[in-house]
Amino acid sequence: MHARALEQGAVVAEPWGWLSACAQELHAWCVGERWVALAVAHQGDDQPYQLVVVVTDVAPP
């Protein structure tokens, strides 16, 4: 999602830019007018994997 949008010159709104940069796998659902995203993030070889949940009113790109 993030790389493709950047290649096309688009700006990826947060939190989607951050999530796509650090998430190995991401699932998102629209619930009413909000988005719920569940991701597994890993920010470096010496860092543990993290389960990340984000609730936002910003739609994914």
N, C-alpha and C. Protein backbone atom coordinates (compact mmCIF):
# COMPACT_ATOMS: atom_id res chain seq x y z
N MET A 1 0.83 -1.18 0.00
CA MET A 1 0.00 0.00 0.00
C MET A 1 0.88 1.25 0.00
N HIS A 2 1.79 1.37 0.93
CA HIS A 2 2.62 2.56 1.10
C HIS A 2 3.58 2.75 -0.07
N ALA A 3 4.31 1.71 -0.44
CA ALA A 3 5.30 1.83 -1.50
C ALA A 3 4.66 2.19 -2.82
N ARG A 4 3.54 1.57 -3.14
CA ARG A 4 2.86 1.85 -4.40
C ARG A 4 2.39 3.30 -4.45
N ALA A 5 1.84 3.79 -3.35
CA ALA A 5 1.37 5.18 -3.31
C ALA A 5 2.54 6.15 -3.44
N LEU A 6 3.66 5.86 -2.79
CA LEU A 6 4.81 6.74 -2.87
C LEU A 6 5.39 6.76 -4.28
N GLU A 7 5.40 5.61 -4.96
CA GLU A 7 5.89 5.55 -6.33
C GLU A 7 5.06 6.43 -7.25
N GLN A 8 3.79 6.58 -6.94
CA GLN A 8 2.89 7.39 -7.75
C GLN A 8 2.90 8.85 -7.29
N GLY A 9 3.74 9.19 -6.31
CA GLY A 9 3.86 10.57 -5.84
C GLY A 9 2.82 10.98 -4.83
N ALA A 10 2.06 10.04 -4.30
CA ALA A 10 1.02 10.38 -3.33
C ALA A 10 1.61 10.49 -1.93
N VAL A 11 0.98 11.29 -1.12
CA VAL A 11 1.32 11.39 0.29
C VAL A 11 0.38 10.46 1.04
N VAL A 12 0.93 9.58 1.84
CA VAL A 12 0.12 8.63 2.59
C VAL A 12 -0.17 9.21 3.96
N ALA A 13 -1.44 9.40 4.27
CA ALA A 13 -1.83 10.00 5.54
C ALA A 13 -1.52 9.05 6.70
N GLU A 14 -1.21 9.63 7.83
CA GLU A 14 -1.00 8.83 9.04
C GLU A 14 -2.36 8.44 9.61
N PRO A 15 -2.48 7.32 10.19
CA PRO A 15 -1.44 6.39 10.64
C PRO A 15 -1.04 5.37 9.60
N TRP A 16 -1.59 5.45 8.39
CA TRP A 16 -1.35 4.44 7.36
C TRP A 16 0.09 4.41 6.88
N GLY A 17 0.74 5.55 6.80
CA GLY A 17 2.14 5.58 6.39
C GLY A 17 3.02 4.83 7.36
N TRP A 18 2.84 5.11 8.64
CA TRP A 18 3.63 4.43 9.67
C TRP A 18 3.33 2.94 9.69
N LEU A 19 2.04 2.58 9.65
CA LEU A 19 1.67 1.17 9.70
C LEU A 19 2.25 0.39 8.52
N SER A 20 2.16 0.94 7.34
CA SER A 20 2.65 0.21 6.18
C SER A 20 4.17 0.12 6.16
N ALA A 21 4.85 1.06 6.82
CA ALA A 21 6.31 1.03 6.87
C ALA A 21 6.83 -0.03 7.84
N CYS A 22 6.08 -0.31 8.91
CA CYS A 22 6.61 -1.22 9.93
C CYS A 22 5.84 -2.53 10.05
N ALA A 23 4.71 -2.67 9.38
CA ALA A 23 3.88 -3.86 9.55
C ALA A 23 4.22 -4.93 8.53
N GLN A 24 4.41 -6.14 9.01
CA GLN A 24 4.62 -7.26 8.11
C GLN A 24 3.29 -7.77 7.58
N GLU A 25 2.26 -7.61 8.35
CA GLU A 25 0.93 -8.03 7.94
C GLU A 25 -0.07 -7.07 8.57
N LEU A 26 -1.06 -6.66 7.78
CA LEU A 26 -2.03 -5.69 8.27
C LEU A 26 -3.42 -6.07 7.78
N HIS A 27 -4.38 -5.99 8.68
CA HIS A 27 -5.78 -6.22 8.33
C HIS A 27 -6.56 -5.01 8.80
N ALA A 28 -7.50 -4.52 7.99
CA ALA A 28 -8.27 -3.34 8.35
C ALA A 28 -9.74 -3.57 8.06
N TRP A 29 -10.59 -3.02 8.92
CA TRP A 29 -12.03 -3.11 8.79
C TRP A 29 -12.65 -1.75 8.97
N CYS A 30 -13.68 -1.48 8.25
CA CYS A 30 -14.46 -0.26 8.44
C CYS A 30 -15.59 -0.59 9.40
N VAL A 31 -15.67 0.16 10.48
CA VAL A 31 -16.72 -0.03 11.49
C VAL A 31 -17.42 1.31 11.65
N GLY A 32 -18.59 1.42 11.07
CA GLY A 32 -19.27 2.72 11.07
C GLY A 32 -18.48 3.70 10.24
N GLU A 33 -18.06 4.80 10.86
CA GLU A 33 -17.26 5.82 10.16
C GLU A 33 -15.79 5.74 10.53
N ARG A 34 -15.37 4.70 11.24
CA ARG A 34 -13.98 4.56 11.67
C ARG A 34 -13.36 3.31 11.08
N TRP A 35 -12.04 3.32 11.04
CA TRP A 35 -11.27 2.18 10.57
C TRP A 35 -10.54 1.56 11.75
N VAL A 36 -10.57 0.24 11.82
CA VAL A 36 -9.83 -0.52 12.82
C VAL A 36 -8.77 -1.31 12.07
N ALA A 37 -7.52 -1.15 12.46
CA ALA A 37 -6.43 -1.87 11.81
C ALA A 37 -5.71 -2.72 12.85
N LEU A 38 -5.39 -3.93 12.48
CA LEU A 38 -4.66 -4.87 13.32
C LEU A 38 -3.42 -5.26 12.54
N ALA A 39 -2.26 -5.09 13.16
CA ALA A 39 -1.01 -5.34 12.44
C ALA A 39 0.01 -6.03 13.33
N VAL A 40 0.93 -6.75 12.71
CA VAL A 40 2.11 -7.27 13.37
C VAL A 40 3.26 -6.41 12.89
N ALA A 41 3.89 -5.72 13.83
CA ALA A 41 4.96 -4.77 13.48
C ALA A 41 6.30 -5.26 14.01
N HIS A 42 7.35 -4.94 13.26
CA HIS A 42 8.71 -5.30 13.65
C HIS A 42 9.61 -4.19 13.16
N GLN A 43 10.25 -3.49 14.07
CA GLN A 43 11.00 -2.30 13.69
C GLN A 43 12.51 -2.48 13.70
N GLY A 44 12.98 -3.69 13.75
CA GLY A 44 14.42 -3.94 13.69
C GLY A 44 14.74 -5.33 14.19
N ASP A 45 15.90 -5.84 13.77
CA ASP A 45 16.27 -7.20 14.14
C ASP A 45 16.41 -7.39 15.64
N ASP A 46 16.81 -6.35 16.34
CA ASP A 46 16.99 -6.47 17.79
C ASP A 46 15.73 -6.09 18.57
N GLN A 47 14.64 -5.83 17.88
CA GLN A 47 13.38 -5.45 18.52
C GLN A 47 12.38 -6.60 18.43
N PRO A 48 11.52 -6.73 19.44
CA PRO A 48 10.51 -7.80 19.40
C PRO A 48 9.38 -7.46 18.43
N TYR A 49 8.66 -8.47 18.01
CA TYR A 49 7.45 -8.26 17.24
C TYR A 49 6.39 -7.67 18.16
N GLN A 50 5.55 -6.81 17.61
CA GLN A 50 4.49 -6.19 18.40
C GLN A 50 3.16 -6.34 17.68
N LEU A 51 2.13 -6.58 18.44
CA LEU A 51 0.78 -6.57 17.91
C LEU A 51 0.25 -5.16 18.10
N VAL A 52 -0.16 -4.52 17.01
CA VAL A 52 -0.58 -3.12 17.04
C VAL A 52 -2.03 -3.03 16.60
N VAL A 53 -2.82 -2.28 17.35
CA VAL A 53 -4.21 -2.01 16.99
C VAL A 53 -4.37 -0.50 16.87
N VAL A 54 -4.96 -0.06 15.78
CA VAL A 54 -5.18 1.37 15.54
C VAL A 54 -6.64 1.58 15.20
N VAL A 55 -7.25 2.60 15.80
CA VAL A 55 -8.60 3.02 15.45
C VAL A 55 -8.49 4.46 14.97
N THR A 56 -8.99 4.73 13.76
CA THR A 56 -8.83 6.05 13.17
C THR A 56 -10.06 6.39 12.31
N ASP A 57 -10.25 7.67 12.10
CA ASP A 57 -11.30 8.08 11.17
C ASP A 57 -10.72 8.43 9.81
N VAL A 58 -9.42 8.19 9.62
CA VAL A 58 -8.75 8.42 8.33
C VAL A 58 -8.82 7.13 7.52
N ALA A 59 -9.43 7.20 6.34
CA ALA A 59 -9.55 6.03 5.48
C ALA A 59 -8.19 5.65 4.90
N PRO A 60 -7.94 4.36 4.70
CA PRO A 60 -6.66 3.96 4.10
C PRO A 60 -6.57 4.40 2.65
N PRO A 61 -5.35 4.59 2.17
CA PRO A 61 -5.19 5.00 0.76
C PRO A 61 -5.56 3.90 -0.20
